[in-house]
Amino acid sequence: MRIRKITSKEAWKLMGFDEEDYEKAKEVCCETSLYHQAGNSIVVNVMYYLLKEIIISSVL
């Protein structure tokens, strides 16, 4: 079984960015930087639901 490395575009999509954001960044960044930027970001939807649960549980 062969495992492939995800592309920088796939990494950006997994982190919640759209294709337009990726294309803009690709114009000014090298491939390595694109991977780093995706890795240093946070998924907004995940953070939203985490904070929502923390706030709800602290109110109860």
PDB file of N, CA and C in Angstrom:
ATOM      1  N   MET A   1       0.841  -1.181   0.000  1.00  0.00           N
ATOM      2  CA  MET A   1       0.000   0.000   0.000  1.00  0.00           C
ATOM      3  C   MET A   1       0.885   1.242   0.000  1.00  0.00           C
ATOM      4  N   ARG A   2       0.582   2.132  -0.882  1.00  0.00           N
ATOM      5  CA  ARG A   2       1.378   3.342  -1.002  1.00  0.00           C
ATOM      6  C   ARG A   2       0.604   4.529  -0.431  1.00  0.00           C
ATOM      7  N   ILE A   3       1.253   5.303   0.417  1.00  0.00           N
ATOM      8  CA  ILE A   3       0.625   6.470   1.028  1.00  0.00           C
ATOM      9  C   ILE A   3       1.223   7.711   0.379  1.00  0.00           C
ATOM     10  N   ARG A   4       0.362   8.598  -0.062  1.00  0.00           N
ATOM     11  CA  ARG A   4       0.869   9.802  -0.709  1.00  0.00           C
ATOM     12  C   ARG A   4       0.763  10.995   0.234  1.00  0.00           C
ATOM     13  N   LYS A   5       1.608  11.964   0.014  1.00  0.00           N
ATOM     14  CA  LYS A   5       1.602  13.205   0.778  1.00  0.00           C
ATOM     15  C   LYS A   5       0.491  14.095   0.218  1.00  0.00           C
ATOM     16  N   ILE A   6      -0.255  14.778   1.102  1.00  0.00           N
ATOM     17  CA  ILE A   6      -1.297  15.667   0.592  1.00  0.00           C
ATOM     18  C   ILE A   6      -0.651  16.884  -0.056  1.00  0.00           C
ATOM     19  N   THR A   7      -1.344  17.473  -0.993  1.00  0.00           N
ATOM     20  CA  THR A   7      -0.827  18.657  -1.663  1.00  0.00           C
ATOM     21  C   THR A   7      -1.067  19.867  -0.769  1.00  0.00           C
ATOM     22  N   SER A   8      -0.385  20.945  -1.059  1.00  0.00           N
ATOM     23  CA  SER A   8      -0.583  22.164  -0.278  1.00  0.00           C
ATOM     24  C   SER A   8      -2.018  22.671  -0.442  1.00  0.00           C
ATOM     25  N   LYS A   9      -2.583  22.484  -1.611  1.00  0.00           N
ATOM     26  CA  LYS A   9      -3.969  22.889  -1.848  1.00  0.00           C
ATOM     27  C   LYS A   9      -4.921  22.078  -0.973  1.00  0.00           C
ATOM     28  N   GLU A  10      -4.688  20.776  -0.861  1.00  0.00           N
ATOM     29  CA  GLU A  10      -5.512  19.935  -0.002  1.00  0.00           C
ATOM     30  C   GLU A  10      -5.369  20.339   1.462  1.00  0.00           C
ATOM     31  N   ALA A  11      -4.158  20.690   1.862  1.00  0.00           N
ATOM     32  CA  ALA A  11      -3.925  21.125   3.240  1.00  0.00           C
ATOM     33  C   ALA A  11      -4.721  22.397   3.534  1.00  0.00           C
ATOM     34  N   TRP A  12      -4.731  23.321   2.599  1.00  0.00           N
ATOM     35  CA  TRP A  12      -5.484  24.566   2.788  1.00  0.00           C
ATOM     36  C   TRP A  12      -6.977  24.283   2.878  1.00  0.00           C
ATOM     37  N   LYS A  13      -7.459  23.393   2.031  1.00  0.00           N
ATOM     38  CA  LYS A  13      -8.893  23.062   2.065  1.00  0.00           C
ATOM     39  C   LYS A  13      -9.269  22.373   3.371  1.00  0.00           C
ATOM     40  N   LEU A  14      -8.405  21.504   3.881  1.00  0.00           N
ATOM     41  CA  LEU A  14      -8.672  20.842   5.157  1.00  0.00           C
ATOM     42  C   LEU A  14      -8.751  21.852   6.310  1.00  0.00           C
ATOM     43  N   MET A  15      -8.021  22.946   6.178  1.00  0.00           N
ATOM     44  CA  MET A  15      -8.020  23.960   7.229  1.00  0.00           C
ATOM     45  C   MET A  15      -9.150  24.971   7.063  1.00  0.00           C
ATOM     46  N   GLY A  16      -9.978  24.797   6.040  1.00  0.00           N
ATOM     47  CA  GLY A  16     -11.163  25.631   5.897  1.00  0.00           C
ATOM     48  C   GLY A  16     -11.032  26.797   4.932  1.00  0.00           C
ATOM     49  N   PHE A  17      -9.920  26.904   4.257  1.00  0.00           N
ATOM     50  CA  PHE A  17      -9.747  27.982   3.287  1.00  0.00           C
ATOM     51  C   PHE A  17     -10.380  27.593   1.962  1.00  0.00           C
ATOM     52  N   ASP A  18     -10.788  28.592   1.202  1.00  0.00           N
ATOM     53  CA  ASP A  18     -11.351  28.286  -0.107  1.00  0.00           C
ATOM     54  C   ASP A  18     -10.257  28.364  -1.170  1.00  0.00           C
ATOM     55  N   GLU A  19     -10.614  27.956  -2.369  1.00  0.00           N
ATOM     56  CA  GLU A  19      -9.641  27.871  -3.457  1.00  0.00           C
ATOM     57  C   GLU A  19      -9.098  29.257  -3.847  1.00  0.00           C
ATOM     58  N   GLU A  20      -9.932  30.270  -3.740  1.00  0.00           N
ATOM     59  CA  GLU A  20      -9.502  31.634  -4.075  1.00  0.00           C
ATOM     60  C   GLU A  20      -8.381  32.098  -3.148  1.00  0.00           C
ATOM     61  N   ASP A  21      -8.518  31.820  -1.851  1.00  0.00           N
ATOM     62  CA  ASP A  21      -7.462  32.184  -0.893  1.00  0.00           C
ATOM     63  C   ASP A  21      -6.161  31.469  -1.229  1.00  0.00           C
ATOM     64  N   TYR A  22      -6.269  30.201  -1.551  1.00  0.00           N
ATOM     65  CA  TYR A  22      -5.086  29.417  -1.893  1.00  0.00           C
ATOM     66  C   TYR A  22      -4.383  29.980  -3.125  1.00  0.00           C
ATOM     67  N   GLU A  23      -5.156  30.292  -4.144  1.00  0.00           N
ATOM     68  CA  GLU A  23      -4.562  30.805  -5.387  1.00  0.00           C
ATOM     69  C   GLU A  23      -3.859  32.137  -5.161  1.00  0.00           C
ATOM     70  N   LYS A  24      -4.444  32.998  -4.326  1.00  0.00           N
ATOM     71  CA  LYS A  24      -3.800  34.281  -4.015  1.00  0.00           C
ATOM     72  C   LYS A  24      -2.469  34.054  -3.304  1.00  0.00           C
ATOM     73  N   ALA A  25      -2.457  33.148  -2.343  1.00  0.00           N
ATOM     74  CA  ALA A  25      -1.234  32.866  -1.598  1.00  0.00           C
ATOM     75  C   ALA A  25      -0.183  32.198  -2.490  1.00  0.00           C
ATOM     76  N   LYS A  26      -0.636  31.355  -3.400  1.00  0.00           N
ATOM     77  CA  LYS A  26       0.279  30.629  -4.285  1.00  0.00           C
ATOM     78  C   LYS A  26       1.051  31.583  -5.201  1.00  0.00           C
ATOM     79  N   GLU A  27       0.436  32.715  -5.512  1.00  0.00           N
ATOM     80  CA  GLU A  27       1.103  33.692  -6.386  1.00  0.00           C
ATOM     81  C   GLU A  27       2.334  34.309  -5.730  1.00  0.00           C
ATOM     82  N   VAL A  28       2.350  34.392  -4.411  1.00  0.00           N
ATOM     83  CA  VAL A  28       3.443  35.096  -3.727  1.00  0.00           C
ATOM     84  C   VAL A  28       4.276  34.202  -2.814  1.00  0.00           C
ATOM     85  N   CYS A  29       3.886  32.935  -2.637  1.00  0.00           N
ATOM     86  CA  CYS A  29       4.595  32.041  -1.715  1.00  0.00           C
ATOM     87  C   CYS A  29       5.101  30.802  -2.431  1.00  0.00           C
ATOM     88  N   CYS A  30       6.192  30.260  -1.901  1.00  0.00           N
ATOM     89  CA  CYS A  30       6.683  28.986  -2.420  1.00  0.00           C
ATOM     90  C   CYS A  30       5.870  27.854  -1.808  1.00  0.00           C
ATOM     91  N   GLU A  31       6.031  26.667  -2.348  1.00  0.00           N
ATOM     92  CA  GLU A  31       5.260  25.498  -1.916  1.00  0.00           C
ATOM     93  C   GLU A  31       5.465  25.199  -0.433  1.00  0.00           C
ATOM     94  N   THR A  32       6.690  25.288   0.032  1.00  0.00           N
ATOM     95  CA  THR A  32       6.985  25.020   1.442  1.00  0.00           C
ATOM     96  C   THR A  32       6.251  25.996   2.352  1.00  0.00           C
ATOM     97  N   SER A  33       6.234  27.256   1.972  1.00  0.00           N
ATOM     98  CA  SER A  33       5.537  28.269   2.776  1.00  0.00           C
ATOM     99  C   SER A  33       4.042  28.013   2.823  1.00  0.00           C
ATOM    100  N   LEU A  34       3.488  27.508   1.740  1.00  0.00           N
ATOM    101  CA  LEU A  34       2.060  27.198   1.715  1.00  0.00           C
ATOM    102  C   LEU A  34       1.731  26.104   2.718  1.00  0.00           C
ATOM    103  N   TYR A  35       2.590  25.080   2.814  1.00  0.00           N
ATOM    104  CA  TYR A  35       2.390  24.028   3.806  1.00  0.00           C
ATOM    105  C   TYR A  35       2.499  24.592   5.225  1.00  0.00           C
ATOM    106  N   HIS A  36       3.483  25.462   5.443  1.00  0.00           N
ATOM    107  CA  HIS A  36       3.682  26.050   6.765  1.00  0.00           C
ATOM    108  C   HIS A  36       2.481  26.906   7.169  1.00  0.00           C
ATOM    109  N   GLN A  37       1.987  27.686   6.246  1.00  0.00           N
ATOM    110  CA  GLN A  37       0.843  28.540   6.548  1.00  0.00           C
ATOM    111  C   GLN A  37      -0.392  27.710   6.894  1.00  0.00           C
ATOM    112  N   ALA A  38      -0.616  26.636   6.172  1.00  0.00           N
ATOM    113  CA  ALA A  38      -1.758  25.771   6.475  1.00  0.00           C
ATOM    114  C   ALA A  38      -1.573  25.122   7.842  1.00  0.00           C
ATOM    115  N   GLY A  39      -0.375  24.702   8.142  1.00  0.00           N
ATOM    116  CA  GLY A  39      -0.102  24.052   9.419  1.00  0.00           C
ATOM    117  C   GLY A  39      -0.188  24.995  10.602  1.00  0.00           C
ATOM    118  N   ASN A  40       0.079  26.269  10.386  1.00  0.00           N
ATOM    119  CA  ASN A  40       0.032  27.248  11.469  1.00  0.00           C
ATOM    120  C   ASN A  40      -1.348  27.851  11.656  1.00  0.00           C
ATOM    121  N   SER A  41      -2.286  27.501  10.808  1.00  0.00           N
ATOM    122  CA  SER A  41      -3.630  28.067  10.917  1.00  0.00           C
ATOM    123  C   SER A  41      -4.490  27.198  11.826  1.00  0.00           C
ATOM    124  N   ILE A  42      -5.669  27.682  12.115  1.00  0.00           N
ATOM    125  CA  ILE A  42      -6.614  26.938  12.941  1.00  0.00           C
ATOM    126  C   ILE A  42      -7.934  26.876  12.189  1.00  0.00           C
ATOM    127  N   VAL A  43      -8.619  25.758  12.296  1.00  0.00           N
ATOM    128  CA  VAL A  43      -9.902  25.606  11.616  1.00  0.00           C
ATOM    129  C   VAL A  43     -10.937  26.424  12.384  1.00  0.00           C
ATOM    130  N   VAL A  44     -11.484  27.432  11.740  1.00  0.00           N
ATOM    131  CA  VAL A  44     -12.406  28.356  12.394  1.00  0.00           C
ATOM    132  C   VAL A  44     -13.640  27.634  12.922  1.00  0.00           C
ATOM    133  N   ASN A  45     -14.196  26.728  12.163  1.00  0.00           N
ATOM    134  CA  ASN A  45     -15.390  26.012  12.609  1.00  0.00           C
ATOM    135  C   ASN A  45     -15.121  25.198  13.869  1.00  0.00           C
ATOM    136  N   VAL A  46     -13.969  24.577  13.955  1.00  0.00           N
ATOM    137  CA  VAL A  46     -13.623  23.791  15.145  1.00  0.00           C
ATOM    138  C   VAL A  46     -13.485  24.710  16.350  1.00  0.00           C
ATOM    139  N   MET A  47     -12.800  25.833  16.181  1.00  0.00           N
ATOM    140  CA  MET A  47     -12.631  26.775  17.284  1.00  0.00           C
ATOM    141  C   MET A  47     -13.973  27.338  17.730  1.00  0.00           C
ATOM    142  N   TYR A  48     -14.844  27.619  16.808  1.00  0.00           N
ATOM    143  CA  TYR A  48     -16.169  28.137  17.133  1.00  0.00           C
ATOM    144  C   TYR A  48     -16.919  27.167  18.042  1.00  0.00           C
ATOM    145  N   TYR A  49     -16.956  25.888  17.661  1.00  0.00           N
ATOM    146  CA  TYR A  49     -17.700  24.904  18.446  1.00  0.00           C
ATOM    147  C   TYR A  49     -17.021  24.599  19.781  1.00  0.00           C
ATOM    148  N   LEU A  50     -15.708  24.637  19.831  1.00  0.00           N
ATOM    149  CA  LEU A  50     -15.022  24.464  21.113  1.00  0.00           C
ATOM    150  C   LEU A  50     -15.372  25.594  22.079  1.00  0.00           C
ATOM    151  N   LEU A  51     -15.276  26.823  21.598  1.00  0.00           N
ATOM    152  CA  LEU A  51     -15.594  27.970  22.453  1.00  0.00           C
ATOM    153  C   LEU A  51     -17.062  27.972  22.849  1.00  0.00           C
ATOM    154  N   LYS A  52     -17.922  27.585  21.942  1.00  0.00           N
ATOM    155  CA  LYS A  52     -19.348  27.520  22.240  1.00  0.00           C
ATOM    156  C   LYS A  52     -19.607  26.540  23.382  1.00  0.00           C
ATOM    157  N   GLU A  53     -18.988  25.359  23.338  1.00  0.00           N
ATOM    158  CA  GLU A  53     -19.162  24.362  24.397  1.00  0.00           C
ATOM    159  C   GLU A  53     -18.577  24.850  25.718  1.00  0.00           C
ATOM    160  N   ILE A  54     -17.450  25.517  25.664  1.00  0.00           N
ATOM    161  CA  ILE A  54     -16.844  26.050  26.901  1.00  0.00           C
ATOM    162  C   ILE A  54     -17.750  27.081  27.534  1.00  0.00           C
ATOM    163  N   ILE A  55     -18.291  27.971  26.730  1.00  0.00           N
ATOM    164  CA  ILE A  55     -19.167  29.012  27.248  1.00  0.00           C
ATOM    165  C   ILE A  55     -20.458  28.414  27.806  1.00  0.00           C
ATOM    166  N   ILE A  56     -21.029  27.473  27.089  1.00  0.00           N
ATOM    167  CA  ILE A  56     -22.267  26.833  27.560  1.00  0.00           C
ATOM    168  C   ILE A  56     -22.032  26.087  28.869  1.00  0.00           C
ATOM    169  N   SER A  57     -20.924  25.352  28.946  1.00  0.00           N
ATOM    170  CA  SER A  57     -20.662  24.588  30.167  1.00  0.00           C
ATOM    171  C   SER A  57     -20.305  25.483  31.349  1.00  0.00           C
ATOM    172  N   SER A  58     -19.729  26.652  31.104  1.00  0.00           N
ATOM    173  CA  SER A  58     -19.402  27.561  32.199  1.00  0.00           C
ATOM    174  C   SER A  58     -20.638  28.285  32.727  1.00  0.00           C
ATOM    175  N   VAL A  59     -21.662  28.441  31.895  1.00  0.00           N
ATOM    176  CA  VAL A  59     -22.896  29.089  32.307  1.00  0.00           C
ATOM    177  C   VAL A  59     -23.727  28.144  33.179  1.00  0.00           C
ATOM    178  N   LEU A  60     -23.683  26.853  32.874  1.00  0.00           N
ATOM    179  CA  LEU A  60     -24.468  25.860  33.617  1.00  0.00           C
ATOM    180  C   LEU A  60     -23.842  25.633  34.923  1.00  0.00           C
TER     181      LEU A  60
END
